Amino acid sequence: MSSNAEAQASRGDVFKWAIVILLVAVGVIGNNFYSAESLLYRLIAILVLAGVACFVALQTAKGRAFFTLAKEAKTEIRRVVWPTRQETIQTTLIVLAVVVFMSLVLWGVDSFLGWIVSSVIS
């Protein structure tokens, strides 16, 4: 019984995704077709079509899963302990110092190896 319900939902999702693709295609083709019209009108039309397409996409199983994921990500971002300004500056300075040091080391190794190769060749 459950597999029959899933098959119905799957067919409905395929139909909804087809509508989403059709709405996006209408937006792209319509924007090209009405290129002589004002940009404001075309932008409003594209935003309305995008809103309707997003609404239809959110009605599918994957759309609901994406919405749930977005809500959980928002909740998780609130839990993050962000570094203070001082910690950020100190970490940035440490990274810059390491980058400068490593670039000087690599430059030195490259120069040394270049000198060895030029000594062997000539």
PDB file of N, CA and C in Angstrom:
ATOM      1  N   MET A   1       0.825  -1.191   0.000  1.00  0.00           N
ATOM      2  CA  MET A   1       0.000   0.000   0.000  1.00  0.00           C
ATOM      3  C   MET A   1       0.866   1.250   0.000  1.00  0.00           C
ATOM      4  N   SER A   2       1.934   1.210   0.758  1.00  0.00           N
ATOM      5  CA  SER A   2       2.820   2.357   0.863  1.00  0.00           C
ATOM      6  C   SER A   2       3.534   2.637  -0.455  1.00  0.00           C
ATOM      7  N   SER A   3       3.945   1.577  -1.161  1.00  0.00           N
ATOM      8  CA  SER A   3       4.643   1.772  -2.428  1.00  0.00           C
ATOM      9  C   SER A   3       3.730   2.399  -3.469  1.00  0.00           C
ATOM     10  N   ASN A   4       2.440   2.113  -3.424  1.00  0.00           N
ATOM     11  CA  ASN A   4       1.480   2.715  -4.339  1.00  0.00           C
ATOM     12  C   ASN A   4       1.365   4.210  -4.081  1.00  0.00           C
ATOM     13  N   ALA A   5       1.345   4.592  -2.816  1.00  0.00           N
ATOM     14  CA  ALA A   5       1.272   6.016  -2.468  1.00  0.00           C
ATOM     15  C   ALA A   5       2.538   6.741  -2.896  1.00  0.00           C
ATOM     16  N   GLU A   6       3.688   6.059  -2.724  1.00  0.00           N
ATOM     17  CA  GLU A   6       4.950   6.673  -3.150  1.00  0.00           C
ATOM     18  C   GLU A   6       4.998   6.838  -4.661  1.00  0.00           C
ATOM     19  N   ALA A   7       4.450   5.873  -5.401  1.00  0.00           N
ATOM     20  CA  ALA A   7       4.425   5.974  -6.860  1.00  0.00           C
ATOM     21  C   ALA A   7       3.557   7.144  -7.299  1.00  0.00           C
ATOM     22  N   GLN A   8       2.420   7.343  -6.625  1.00  0.00           N
ATOM     23  CA  GLN A   8       1.549   8.481  -6.939  1.00  0.00           C
ATOM     24  C   GLN A   8       2.266   9.793  -6.646  1.00  0.00           C
ATOM     25  N   ALA A   9       2.951   9.856  -5.493  1.00  0.00           N
ATOM     26  CA  ALA A   9       3.674  11.077  -5.138  1.00  0.00           C
ATOM     27  C   ALA A   9       4.796  11.331  -6.127  1.00  0.00           C
ATOM     28  N   SER A  10       5.454  10.273  -6.566  1.00  0.00           N
ATOM     29  CA  SER A  10       6.544  10.418  -7.520  1.00  0.00           C
ATOM     30  C   SER A  10       6.031  10.955  -8.852  1.00  0.00           C
ATOM     31  N   ARG A  11       4.895  10.432  -9.327  1.00  0.00           N
ATOM     32  CA  ARG A  11       4.308  10.942 -10.569  1.00  0.00           C
ATOM     33  C   ARG A  11       3.903  12.402 -10.422  1.00  0.00           C
ATOM     34  N   GLY A  12       3.340  12.731  -9.277  1.00  0.00           N
ATOM     35  CA  GLY A  12       2.965  14.122  -9.033  1.00  0.00           C
ATOM     36  C   GLY A  12       4.178  15.034  -8.986  1.00  0.00           C
ATOM     37  N   ASP A  13       5.277  14.547  -8.393  1.00  0.00           N
ATOM     38  CA  ASP A  13       6.502  15.347  -8.348  1.00  0.00           C
ATOM     39  C   ASP A  13       7.074  15.569  -9.740  1.00  0.00           C
ATOM     40  N   VAL A  14       7.022  14.531 -10.581  1.00  0.00           N
ATOM     41  CA  VAL A  14       7.511  14.673 -11.954  1.00  0.00           C
ATOM     42  C   VAL A  14       6.702  15.744 -12.678  1.00  0.00           C
ATOM     43  N   PHE A  15       5.411  15.733 -12.500  1.00  0.00           N
ATOM     44  CA  PHE A  15       4.549  16.736 -13.119  1.00  0.00           C
ATOM     45  C   PHE A  15       4.887  18.138 -12.593  1.00  0.00           C
ATOM     46  N   LYS A  16       5.094  18.253 -11.290  1.00  0.00           N
ATOM     47  CA  LYS A  16       5.437  19.561 -10.703  1.00  0.00           C
ATOM     48  C   LYS A  16       6.783  20.056 -11.211  1.00  0.00           C
ATOM     49  N   TRP A  17       7.773  19.147 -11.325  1.00  0.00           N
ATOM     50  CA  TRP A  17       9.073  19.578 -11.851  1.00  0.00           C
ATOM     51  C   TRP A  17       8.961  19.987 -13.316  1.00  0.00           C
ATOM     52  N   ALA A  18       8.092  19.337 -14.063  1.00  0.00           N
ATOM     53  CA  ALA A  18       7.866  19.735 -15.459  1.00  0.00           C
ATOM     54  C   ALA A  18       7.289  21.145 -15.512  1.00  0.00           C
ATOM     55  N   ILE A  19       6.385  21.459 -14.583  1.00  0.00           N
ATOM     56  CA  ILE A  19       5.823  22.816 -14.525  1.00  0.00           C
ATOM     57  C   ILE A  19       6.914  23.829 -14.182  1.00  0.00           C
ATOM     58  N   VAL A  20       7.795  23.466 -13.251  1.00  0.00           N
ATOM     59  CA  VAL A  20       8.891  24.370 -12.881  1.00  0.00           C
ATOM     60  C   VAL A  20       9.783  24.635 -14.091  1.00  0.00           C
ATOM     61  N   ILE A  21      10.147  23.584 -14.810  1.00  0.00           N
ATOM     62  CA  ILE A  21      10.994  23.740 -15.999  1.00  0.00           C
ATOM     63  C   ILE A  21      10.286  24.585 -17.048  1.00  0.00           C
ATOM     64  N   LEU A  22       8.987  24.371 -17.216  1.00  0.00           N
ATOM     65  CA  LEU A  22       8.213  25.159 -18.173  1.00  0.00           C
ATOM     66  C   LEU A  22       8.191  26.639 -17.771  1.00  0.00           C
ATOM     67  N   LEU A  23       8.009  26.920 -16.488  1.00  0.00           N
ATOM     68  CA  LEU A  23       8.001  28.316 -16.023  1.00  0.00           C
ATOM     69  C   LEU A  23       9.355  28.991 -16.248  1.00  0.00           C
ATOM     70  N   VAL A  24      10.425  28.270 -15.988  1.00  0.00           N
ATOM     71  CA  VAL A  24      11.761  28.831 -16.220  1.00  0.00           C
ATOM     72  C   VAL A  24      11.968  29.089 -17.713  1.00  0.00           C
ATOM     73  N   ALA A  25      11.554  28.139 -18.547  1.00  0.00           N
ATOM     74  CA  ALA A  25      11.685  28.320 -19.998  1.00  0.00           C
ATOM     75  C   ALA A  25      10.866  29.510 -20.479  1.00  0.00           C
ATOM     76  N   VAL A  26       9.659  29.654 -19.954  1.00  0.00           N
ATOM     77  CA  VAL A  26       8.824  30.814 -20.329  1.00  0.00           C
ATOM     78  C   VAL A  26       9.520  32.108 -19.925  1.00  0.00           C
ATOM     79  N   GLY A  27      10.137  32.123 -18.772  1.00  0.00           N
ATOM     80  CA  GLY A  27      10.849  33.323 -18.334  1.00  0.00           C
ATOM     81  C   GLY A  27      12.012  33.667 -19.241  1.00  0.00           C
ATOM     82  N   VAL A  28      12.809  32.669 -19.601  1.00  0.00           N
ATOM     83  CA  VAL A  28      13.975  32.912 -20.464  1.00  0.00           C
ATOM     84  C   VAL A  28      13.541  33.331 -21.861  1.00  0.00           C
ATOM     85  N   ILE A  29      12.616  32.580 -22.441  1.00  0.00           N
ATOM     86  CA  ILE A  29      12.163  32.890 -23.800  1.00  0.00           C
ATOM     87  C   ILE A  29      11.398  34.213 -23.825  1.00  0.00           C
ATOM     88  N   GLY A  30      10.555  34.436 -22.815  1.00  0.00           N
ATOM     89  CA  GLY A  30       9.806  35.696 -22.763  1.00  0.00           C
ATOM     90  C   GLY A  30      10.716  36.907 -22.602  1.00  0.00           C
ATOM     91  N   ASN A  31      11.770  36.758 -21.794  1.00  0.00           N
ATOM     92  CA  ASN A  31      12.715  37.864 -21.628  1.00  0.00           C
ATOM     93  C   ASN A  31      13.396  38.183 -22.951  1.00  0.00           C
ATOM     94  N   ASN A  32      13.724  37.161 -23.723  1.00  0.00           N
ATOM     95  CA  ASN A  32      14.351  37.374 -25.022  1.00  0.00           C
ATOM     96  C   ASN A  32      13.345  37.939 -26.020  1.00  0.00           C
ATOM     97  N   PHE A  33      12.128  37.424 -26.005  1.00  0.00           N
ATOM     98  CA  PHE A  33      11.109  37.855 -26.958  1.00  0.00           C
ATOM     99  C   PHE A  33      10.708  39.307 -26.726  1.00  0.00           C
ATOM    100  N   TYR A  34      10.578  39.697 -25.456  1.00  0.00           N
ATOM    101  CA  TYR A  34      10.165  41.060 -25.123  1.00  0.00           C
ATOM    102  C   TYR A  34      11.367  41.933 -24.768  1.00  0.00           C
ATOM    103  N   SER A  35      12.474  41.750 -25.447  1.00  0.00           N
ATOM    104  CA  SER A  35      13.683  42.507 -25.126  1.00  0.00           C
ATOM    105  C   SER A  35      13.529  44.004 -25.403  1.00  0.00           C
ATOM    106  N   ALA A  36      12.557  44.391 -26.226  1.00  0.00           N
ATOM    107  CA  ALA A  36      12.348  45.805 -26.516  1.00  0.00           C
ATOM    108  C   ALA A  36      11.569  46.499 -25.396  1.00  0.00           C
ATOM    109  N   GLU A  37      10.914  45.727 -24.553  1.00  0.00           N
ATOM    110  CA  GLU A  37      10.144  46.311 -23.450  1.00  0.00           C
ATOM    111  C   GLU A  37      11.079  46.836 -22.361  1.00  0.00           C
ATOM    112  N   SER A  38      10.507  47.587 -21.465  1.00  0.00           N
ATOM    113  CA  SER A  38      11.274  48.161 -20.365  1.00  0.00           C
ATOM    114  C   SER A  38      11.870  47.056 -19.495  1.00  0.00           C
ATOM    115  N   LEU A  39      13.076  47.305 -19.019  1.00  0.00           N
ATOM    116  CA  LEU A  39      13.758  46.340 -18.156  1.00  0.00           C
ATOM    117  C   LEU A  39      12.975  46.114 -16.867  1.00  0.00           C
ATOM    118  N   LEU A  40      12.338  47.148 -16.369  1.00  0.00           N
ATOM    119  CA  LEU A  40      11.569  47.024 -15.132  1.00  0.00           C
ATOM    120  C   LEU A  40      10.428  46.018 -15.289  1.00  0.00           C
ATOM    121  N   TYR A  41       9.695  46.104 -16.397  1.00  0.00           N
ATOM    122  CA  TYR A  41       8.584  45.193 -16.623  1.00  0.00           C
ATOM    123  C   TYR A  41       9.072  43.760 -16.780  1.00  0.00           C
ATOM    124  N   ARG A  42      10.182  43.589 -17.511  1.00  0.00           N
ATOM    125  CA  ARG A  42      10.722  42.243 -17.691  1.00  0.00           C
ATOM    126  C   ARG A  42      11.219  41.674 -16.367  1.00  0.00           C
ATOM    127  N   LEU A  43      11.821  42.526 -15.537  1.00  0.00           N
ATOM    128  CA  LEU A  43      12.310  42.075 -14.240  1.00  0.00           C
ATOM    129  C   LEU A  43      11.158  41.655 -13.332  1.00  0.00           C
ATOM    130  N   ILE A  44      10.099  42.444 -13.333  1.00  0.00           N
ATOM    131  CA  ILE A  44       8.925  42.092 -12.518  1.00  0.00           C
ATOM    132  C   ILE A  44       8.343  40.762 -12.986  1.00  0.00           C
ATOM    133  N   ALA A  45       8.234  40.572 -14.303  1.00  0.00           N
ATOM    134  CA  ALA A  45       7.690  39.323 -14.840  1.00  0.00           C
ATOM    135  C   ALA A  45       8.575  38.136 -14.464  1.00  0.00           C
ATOM    136  N   ILE A  46       9.892  38.302 -14.552  1.00  0.00           N
ATOM    137  CA  ILE A  46      10.804  37.204 -14.208  1.00  0.00           C
ATOM    138  C   ILE A  46      10.724  36.888 -12.721  1.00  0.00           C
ATOM    139  N   LEU A  47      10.626  37.916 -11.886  1.00  0.00           N
ATOM    140  CA  LEU A  47      10.518  37.679 -10.450  1.00  0.00           C
ATOM    141  C   LEU A  47       9.220  36.961 -10.092  1.00  0.00           C
ATOM    142  N   VAL A  48       8.125  37.323 -10.759  1.00  0.00           N
ATOM    143  CA  VAL A  48       6.851  36.646 -10.510  1.00  0.00           C
ATOM    144  C   VAL A  48       6.943  35.181 -10.952  1.00  0.00           C
ATOM    145  N   LEU A  49       7.506  34.939 -12.148  1.00  0.00           N
ATOM    146  CA  LEU A  49       7.655  33.564 -12.627  1.00  0.00           C
ATOM    147  C   LEU A  49       8.583  32.759 -11.717  1.00  0.00           C
ATOM    148  N   ALA A  50       9.658  33.381 -11.249  1.00  0.00           N
ATOM    149  CA  ALA A  50      10.586  32.685 -10.350  1.00  0.00           C
ATOM    150  C   ALA A  50       9.904  32.367  -9.025  1.00  0.00           C
ATOM    151  N   GLY A  51       9.092  33.285  -8.530  1.00  0.00           N
ATOM    152  CA  GLY A  51       8.365  33.033  -7.288  1.00  0.00           C
ATOM    153  C   GLY A  51       7.392  31.878  -7.426  1.00  0.00           C
ATOM    154  N   VAL A  52       6.652  31.859  -8.537  1.00  0.00           N
ATOM    155  CA  VAL A  52       5.704  30.765  -8.771  1.00  0.00           C
ATOM    156  C   VAL A  52       6.456  29.447  -8.946  1.00  0.00           C
ATOM    157  N   ALA A  53       7.584  29.468  -9.675  1.00  0.00           N
ATOM    158  CA  ALA A  53       8.371  28.254  -9.872  1.00  0.00           C
ATOM    159  C   ALA A  53       8.920  27.740  -8.546  1.00  0.00           C
ATOM    160  N   CYS A  54       9.395  28.633  -7.687  1.00  0.00           N
ATOM    161  CA  CYS A  54       9.891  28.222  -6.365  1.00  0.00           C
ATOM    162  C   CYS A  54       8.761  27.643  -5.524  1.00  0.00           C
ATOM    163  N   PHE A  55       7.601  28.259  -5.586  1.00  0.00           N
ATOM    164  CA  PHE A  55       6.457  27.749  -4.827  1.00  0.00           C
ATOM    165  C   PHE A  55       6.090  26.340  -5.276  1.00  0.00           C
ATOM    166  N   VAL A  56       6.056  26.127  -6.585  1.00  0.00           N
ATOM    167  CA  VAL A  56       5.719  24.802  -7.106  1.00  0.00           C
ATOM    168  C   VAL A  56       6.813  23.799  -6.735  1.00  0.00           C
ATOM    169  N   ALA A  57       8.080  24.220  -6.829  1.00  0.00           N
ATOM    170  CA  ALA A  57       9.184  23.315  -6.499  1.00  0.00           C
ATOM    171  C   ALA A  57       9.158  22.930  -5.023  1.00  0.00           C
ATOM    172  N   LEU A  58       8.752  23.849  -4.164  1.00  0.00           N
ATOM    173  CA  LEU A  58       8.694  23.543  -2.734  1.00  0.00           C
ATOM    174  C   LEU A  58       7.563  22.584  -2.386  1.00  0.00           C
ATOM    175  N   GLN A  59       6.650  22.334  -3.307  1.00  0.00           N
ATOM    176  CA  GLN A  59       5.566  21.396  -3.067  1.00  0.00           C
ATOM    177  C   GLN A  59       5.987  19.951  -3.333  1.00  0.00           C
ATOM    178  N   THR A  60       7.173  19.767  -3.914  1.00  0.00           N
ATOM    179  CA  THR A  60       7.657  18.411  -4.189  1.00  0.00           C
ATOM    180  C   THR A  60       8.380  17.861  -2.963  1.00  0.00           C
ATOM    181  N   ALA A  61       8.680  16.571  -2.998  1.00  0.00           N
ATOM    182  CA  ALA A  61       9.381  15.932  -1.869  1.00  0.00           C
ATOM    183  C   ALA A  61      10.781  16.523  -1.712  1.00  0.00           C
ATOM    184  N   LYS A  62      11.500  16.692  -2.810  1.00  0.00           N
ATOM    185  CA  LYS A  62      12.845  17.276  -2.733  1.00  0.00           C
ATOM    186  C   LYS A  62      12.781  18.739  -2.321  1.00  0.00           C
ATOM    187  N   GLY A  63      11.763  19.436  -2.739  1.00  0.00           N
ATOM    188  CA  GLY A  63      11.601  20.832  -2.341  1.00  0.00           C
ATOM    189  C   GLY A  63      11.353  20.962  -0.843  1.00  0.00           C
ATOM    190  N   ARG A  64      10.532  20.089  -0.305  1.00  0.00           N
ATOM    191  CA  ARG A  64      10.290  20.105   1.148  1.00  0.00           C
ATOM    192  C   ARG A  64      11.554  19.746   1.908  1.00  0.00           C
ATOM    193  N   ALA A  65      12.312  18.777   1.371  1.00  0.00           N
ATOM    194  CA  ALA A  65      13.574  18.396   2.022  1.00  0.00           C
ATOM    195  C   ALA A  65      14.557  19.566   1.994  1.00  0.00           C
ATOM    196  N   PHE A  66      14.598  20.295   0.887  1.00  0.00           N
ATOM    197  CA  PHE A  66      15.480  21.457   0.795  1.00  0.00           C
ATOM    198  C   PHE A  66      15.059  22.534   1.782  1.00  0.00           C
ATOM    199  N   PHE A  67      13.760  22.762   1.899  1.00  0.00           N
ATOM    200  CA  PHE A  67      13.261  23.773   2.836  1.00  0.00           C
ATOM    201  C   PHE A  67      13.602  23.394   4.267  1.00  0.00           C
ATOM    202  N   THR A  68      13.466  22.115   4.596  1.00  0.00           N
ATOM    203  CA  THR A  68      13.829  21.639   5.930  1.00  0.00           C
ATOM    204  C   THR A  68      15.320  21.825   6.170  1.00  0.00           C
ATOM    205  N   LEU A  69      16.132  21.503   5.179  1.00  0.00           N
ATOM    206  CA  LEU A  69      17.573  21.700   5.291  1.00  0.00           C
ATOM    207  C   LEU A  69      17.920  23.169   5.517  1.00  0.00           C
ATOM    208  N   ALA A  70      17.258  24.056   4.802  1.00  0.00           N
ATOM    209  CA  ALA A  70      17.518  25.489   4.962  1.00  0.00           C
ATOM    210  C   ALA A  70      17.143  25.967   6.362  1.00  0.00           C
ATOM    211  N   LYS A  71      16.015  25.477   6.879  1.00  0.00           N
ATOM    212  CA  LYS A  71      15.617  25.858   8.242  1.00  0.00           C
ATOM    213  C   LYS A  71      16.620  25.336   9.266  1.00  0.00           C
ATOM    214  N   GLU A  72      17.081  24.100   9.091  1.00  0.00           N
ATOM    215  CA  GLU A  72      18.060  23.540  10.027  1.00  0.00           C
ATOM    216  C   GLU A  72      19.397  24.271   9.940  1.00  0.00           C
ATOM    217  N   ALA A  73      19.787  24.688   8.734  1.00  0.00           N
ATOM    218  CA  ALA A  73      21.034  25.438   8.580  1.00  0.00           C
ATOM    219  C   ALA A  73      20.938  26.786   9.279  1.00  0.00           C
ATOM    220  N   LYS A  74      19.786  27.425   9.172  1.00  0.00           N
ATOM    221  CA  LYS A  74      19.588  28.705   9.859  1.00  0.00           C
ATOM    222  C   LYS A  74      19.691  28.525  11.368  1.00  0.00           C
ATOM    223  N   THR A  75      19.110  27.454  11.879  1.00  0.00           N
ATOM    224  CA  THR A  75      19.194  27.164  13.311  1.00  0.00           C
ATOM    225  C   THR A  75      20.638  26.882  13.713  1.00  0.00           C
ATOM    226  N   GLU A  76      21.362  26.164  12.874  1.00  0.00           N
ATOM    227  CA  GLU A  76      22.749  25.809  13.180  1.00  0.00           C
ATOM    228  C   GLU A  76      23.645  27.049  13.170  1.00  0.00           C
ATOM    229  N   ILE A  77      23.364  27.990  12.286  1.00  0.00           N
ATOM    230  CA  ILE A  77      24.164  29.221  12.233  1.00  0.00           C
ATOM    231  C   ILE A  77      24.009  30.006  13.524  1.00  0.00           C
ATOM    232  N   ARG A  78      22.837  29.967  14.117  1.00  0.00           N
ATOM    233  CA  ARG A  78      22.626  30.669  15.383  1.00  0.00           C
ATOM    234  C   ARG A  78      23.454  30.060  16.504  1.00  0.00           C
ATOM    235  N   ARG A  79      23.777  28.758  16.406  1.00  0.00           N
ATOM    236  CA  ARG A  79      24.539  28.080  17.450  1.00  0.00           C
ATOM    237  C   ARG A  79      26.044  28.327  17.345  1.00  0.00           C
ATOM    238  N   VAL A  80      26.506  28.807  16.210  1.00  0.00           N
ATOM    239  CA  VAL A  80      27.940  28.993  15.990  1.00  0.00           C
ATOM    240  C   VAL A  80      28.463  30.091  16.907  1.00  0.00           C
ATOM    241  N   VAL A  81      29.626  29.832  17.499  1.00  0.00           N
ATOM    242  CA  VAL A  81      30.287  30.848  18.317  1.00  0.00           C
ATOM    243  C   VAL A  81      31.277  31.559  17.394  1.00  0.00           C
ATOM    244  N   TRP A  82      30.948  32.788  17.035  1.00  0.00           N
ATOM    245  CA  TRP A  82      31.775  33.541  16.104  1.00  0.00           C
ATOM    246  C   TRP A  82      32.957  34.155  16.838  1.00  0.00           C
ATOM    247  N   PRO A  83      34.114  34.250  16.186  1.00  0.00           N
ATOM    248  CA  PRO A  83      35.281  34.837  16.852  1.00  0.00           C
ATOM    249  C   PRO A  83      35.098  36.342  17.059  1.00  0.00           C
ATOM    250  N   THR A  84      35.795  36.849  18.074  1.00  0.00           N
ATOM    251  CA  THR A  84      35.748  38.290  18.318  1.00  0.00           C
ATOM    252  C   THR A  84      36.600  39.006  17.277  1.00  0.00           C
ATOM    253  N   ARG A  85      36.517  40.307  17.261  1.00  0.00           N
ATOM    254  CA  ARG A  85      37.308  41.093  16.310  1.00  0.00           C
ATOM    255  C   ARG A  85      38.793  40.884  16.551  1.00  0.00           C
ATOM    256  N   GLN A  86      39.197  40.866  17.823  1.00  0.00           N
ATOM    257  CA  GLN A  86      40.612  40.687  18.154  1.00  0.00           C
ATOM    258  C   GLN A  86      41.108  39.304  17.703  1.00  0.00           C
ATOM    259  N   GLU A  87      40.322  38.263  17.922  1.00  0.00           N
ATOM    260  CA  GLU A  87      40.713  36.925  17.487  1.00  0.00           C
ATOM    261  C   GLU A  87      40.837  36.854  15.966  1.00  0.00           C
ATOM    262  N   THR A  88      39.933  37.511  15.274  1.00  0.00           N
ATOM    263  CA  THR A  88      39.976  37.520  13.813  1.00  0.00           C
ATOM    264  C   THR A  88      41.230  38.216  13.311  1.00  0.00           C
ATOM    265  N   ILE A  89      41.555  39.365  13.908  1.00  0.00           N
ATOM    266  CA  ILE A  89      42.750  40.108  13.479  1.00  0.00           C
ATOM    267  C   ILE A  89      44.004  39.298  13.769  1.00  0.00           C
ATOM    268  N   GLN A  90      44.094  38.694  14.951  1.00  0.00           N
ATOM    269  CA  GLN A  90      45.274  37.911  15.301  1.00  0.00           C
ATOM    270  C   GLN A  90      45.448  36.715  14.363  1.00  0.00           C
ATOM    271  N   THR A  91      44.367  36.024  14.082  1.00  0.00           N
ATOM    272  CA  THR A  91      44.440  34.876  13.187  1.00  0.00           C
ATOM    273  C   THR A  91      44.845  35.307  11.781  1.00  0.00           C
ATOM    274  N   THR A  92      44.309  36.422  11.312  1.00  0.00           N
ATOM    275  CA  THR A  92      44.661  36.929   9.988  1.00  0.00           C
ATOM    276  C   THR A  92      46.142  37.275   9.922  1.00  0.00           C
ATOM    277  N   LEU A  93      46.661  37.917  10.959  1.00  0.00           N
ATOM    278  CA  LEU A  93      48.081  38.272  10.975  1.00  0.00           C
ATOM    279  C   LEU A  93      48.966  37.028  11.007  1.00  0.00           C
ATOM    280  N   ILE A  94      48.558  36.009  11.730  1.00  0.00           N
ATOM    281  CA  ILE A  94      49.327  34.770  11.763  1.00  0.00           C
ATOM    282  C   ILE A  94      49.347  34.117  10.378  1.00  0.00           C
ATOM    283  N   VAL A  95      48.207  34.090   9.728  1.00  0.00           N
ATOM    284  CA  VAL A  95      48.138  33.504   8.385  1.00  0.00           C
ATOM    285  C   VAL A  95      49.018  34.289   7.423  1.00  0.00           C
ATOM    286  N   LEU A  96      48.969  35.620   7.470  1.00  0.00           N
ATOM    287  CA  LEU A  96      49.814  36.435   6.595  1.00  0.00           C
ATOM    288  C   LEU A  96      51.294  36.183   6.861  1.00  0.00           C
ATOM    289  N   ALA A  97      51.681  36.080   8.127  1.00  0.00           N
ATOM    290  CA  ALA A  97      53.083  35.823   8.463  1.00  0.00           C
ATOM    291  C   ALA A  97      53.534  34.469   7.919  1.00  0.00           C
ATOM    292  N   VAL A  98      52.714  33.446   8.061  1.00  0.00           N
ATOM    293  CA  VAL A  98      53.067  32.120   7.550  1.00  0.00           C
ATOM    294  C   VAL A  98      53.169  32.143   6.027  1.00  0.00           C
ATOM    295  N   VAL A  99      52.263  32.848   5.367  1.00  0.00           N
ATOM    296  CA  VAL A  99      52.298  32.929   3.900  1.00  0.00           C
ATOM    297  C   VAL A  99      53.566  33.627   3.440  1.00  0.00           C
ATOM    298  N   VAL A 100      53.925  34.738   4.072  1.00  0.00           N
ATOM    299  CA  VAL A 100      55.149  35.460   3.696  1.00  0.00           C
ATOM    300  C   VAL A 100      56.375  34.574   3.943  1.00  0.00           C
ATOM    301  N   PHE A 101      56.429  33.919   5.113  1.00  0.00           N
ATOM    302  CA  PHE A 101      57.560  33.051   5.436  1.00  0.00           C
ATOM    303  C   PHE A 101      57.696  31.922   4.423  1.00  0.00           C
ATOM    304  N   MET A 102      56.583  31.249   4.110  1.00  0.00           N
ATOM    305  CA  MET A 102      56.641  30.133   3.166  1.00  0.00           C
ATOM    306  C   MET A 102      56.993  30.601   1.748  1.00  0.00           C
ATOM    307  N   SER A 103      56.524  31.787   1.365  1.00  0.00           N
ATOM    308  CA  SER A 103      56.886  32.290   0.038  1.00  0.00           C
ATOM    309  C   SER A 103      58.376  32.584  -0.036  1.00  0.00           C
ATOM    310  N   LEU A 104      58.971  33.102   1.049  1.00  0.00           N
ATOM    311  CA  LEU A 104      60.412  33.339   1.069  1.00  0.00           C
ATOM    312  C   LEU A 104      61.185  32.014   1.046  1.00  0.00           C
ATOM    313  N   VAL A 105      60.719  31.018   1.782  1.00  0.00           N
ATOM    314  CA  VAL A 105      61.373  29.701   1.775  1.00  0.00           C
ATOM    315  C   VAL A 105      61.312  29.100   0.379  1.00  0.00           C
ATOM    316  N   LEU A 106      60.142  29.123  -0.245  1.00  0.00           N
ATOM    317  CA  LEU A 106      60.014  28.554  -1.591  1.00  0.00           C
ATOM    318  C   LEU A 106      60.838  29.332  -2.611  1.00  0.00           C
ATOM    319  N   TRP A 107      60.900  30.641  -2.472  1.00  0.00           N
ATOM    320  CA  TRP A 107      61.734  31.448  -3.366  1.00  0.00           C
ATOM    321  C   TRP A 107      63.200  31.059  -3.197  1.00  0.00           C
ATOM    322  N   GLY A 108      63.616  30.873  -1.944  1.00  0.00           N
ATOM    323  CA  GLY A 108      64.996  30.474  -1.684  1.00  0.00           C
ATOM    324  C   GLY A 108      65.304  29.098  -2.261  1.00  0.00           C
ATOM    325  N   VAL A 109      64.425  28.139  -2.060  1.00  0.00           N
ATOM    326  CA  VAL A 109      64.636  26.792  -2.613  1.00  0.00           C
ATOM    327  C   VAL A 109      64.664  26.844  -4.136  1.00  0.00           C
ATOM    328  N   ASP A 110      63.762  27.597  -4.733  1.00  0.00           N
ATOM    329  CA  ASP A 110      63.721  27.722  -6.187  1.00  0.00           C
ATOM    330  C   ASP A 110      65.005  28.355  -6.709  1.00  0.00           C
ATOM    331  N   SER A 111      65.478  29.404  -6.058  1.00  0.00           N
ATOM    332  CA  SER A 111      66.720  30.057  -6.481  1.00  0.00           C
ATOM    333  C   SER A 111      67.906  29.104  -6.344  1.00  0.00           C
ATOM    334  N   PHE A 112      67.949  28.373  -5.239  1.00  0.00           N
ATOM    335  CA  PHE A 112      69.041  27.433  -5.012  1.00  0.00           C
ATOM    336  C   PHE A 112      69.043  26.326  -6.063  1.00  0.00           C
ATOM    337  N   LEU A 113      67.870  25.753  -6.327  1.00  0.00           N
ATOM    338  CA  LEU A 113      67.787  24.697  -7.335  1.00  0.00           C
ATOM    339  C   LEU A 113      68.097  25.250  -8.734  1.00  0.00           C
ATOM    340  N   GLY A 114      67.660  26.467  -9.018  1.00  0.00           N
ATOM    341  CA  GLY A 114      67.992  27.097 -10.294  1.00  0.00           C
ATOM    342  C   GLY A 114      69.495  27.302 -10.441  1.00  0.00           C
ATOM    343  N   TRP A 115      70.139  27.691  -9.358  1.00  0.00           N
ATOM    344  CA  TRP A 115      71.599  27.895  -9.374  1.00  0.00           C
ATOM    345  C   TRP A 115      72.314  26.574  -9.603  1.00  0.00           C
ATOM    346  N   ILE A 116      71.838  25.495  -8.951  1.00  0.00           N
ATOM    347  CA  ILE A 116      72.446  24.174  -9.126  1.00  0.00           C
ATOM    348  C   ILE A 116      72.293  23.703 -10.574  1.00  0.00           C
ATOM    349  N   VAL A 117      71.083  23.848 -11.109  1.00  0.00           N
ATOM    350  CA  VAL A 117      70.839  23.400 -12.490  1.00  0.00           C
ATOM    351  C   VAL A 117      71.682  24.211 -13.465  1.00  0.00           C
ATOM    352  N   SER A 118      71.778  25.527 -13.281  1.00  0.00           N
ATOM    353  CA  SER A 118      72.577  26.345 -14.191  1.00  0.00           C
ATOM    354  C   SER A 118      74.062  26.019 -14.053  1.00  0.00           C
ATOM    355  N   SER A 119      74.527  25.615 -12.862  1.00  0.00           N
ATOM    356  CA  SER A 119      75.928  25.225 -12.674  1.00  0.00           C
ATOM    357  C   SER A 119      76.207  23.913 -13.381  1.00  0.00           C
ATOM    358  N   VAL A 120      75.270  22.982 -13.329  1.00  0.00           N
ATOM    359  CA  VAL A 120      75.459  21.678 -13.984  1.00  0.00           C
ATOM    360  C   VAL A 120      75.411  21.827 -15.499  1.00  0.00           C
ATOM    361  N   ILE A 121      74.502  22.647 -15.979  1.00  0.00           N
ATOM    362  CA  ILE A 121      74.326  22.803 -17.431  1.00  0.00           C
ATOM    363  C   ILE A 121      75.515  23.531 -18.049  1.00  0.00           C
ATOM    364  N   SER A 122      76.032  24.559 -17.402  1.00  0.00           N
ATOM    365  CA  SER A 122      77.120  25.323 -18.021  1.00  0.00           C
ATOM    366  C   SER A 122      78.461  24.920 -17.566  1.00  0.00           C
TER     367      SER A 122
END
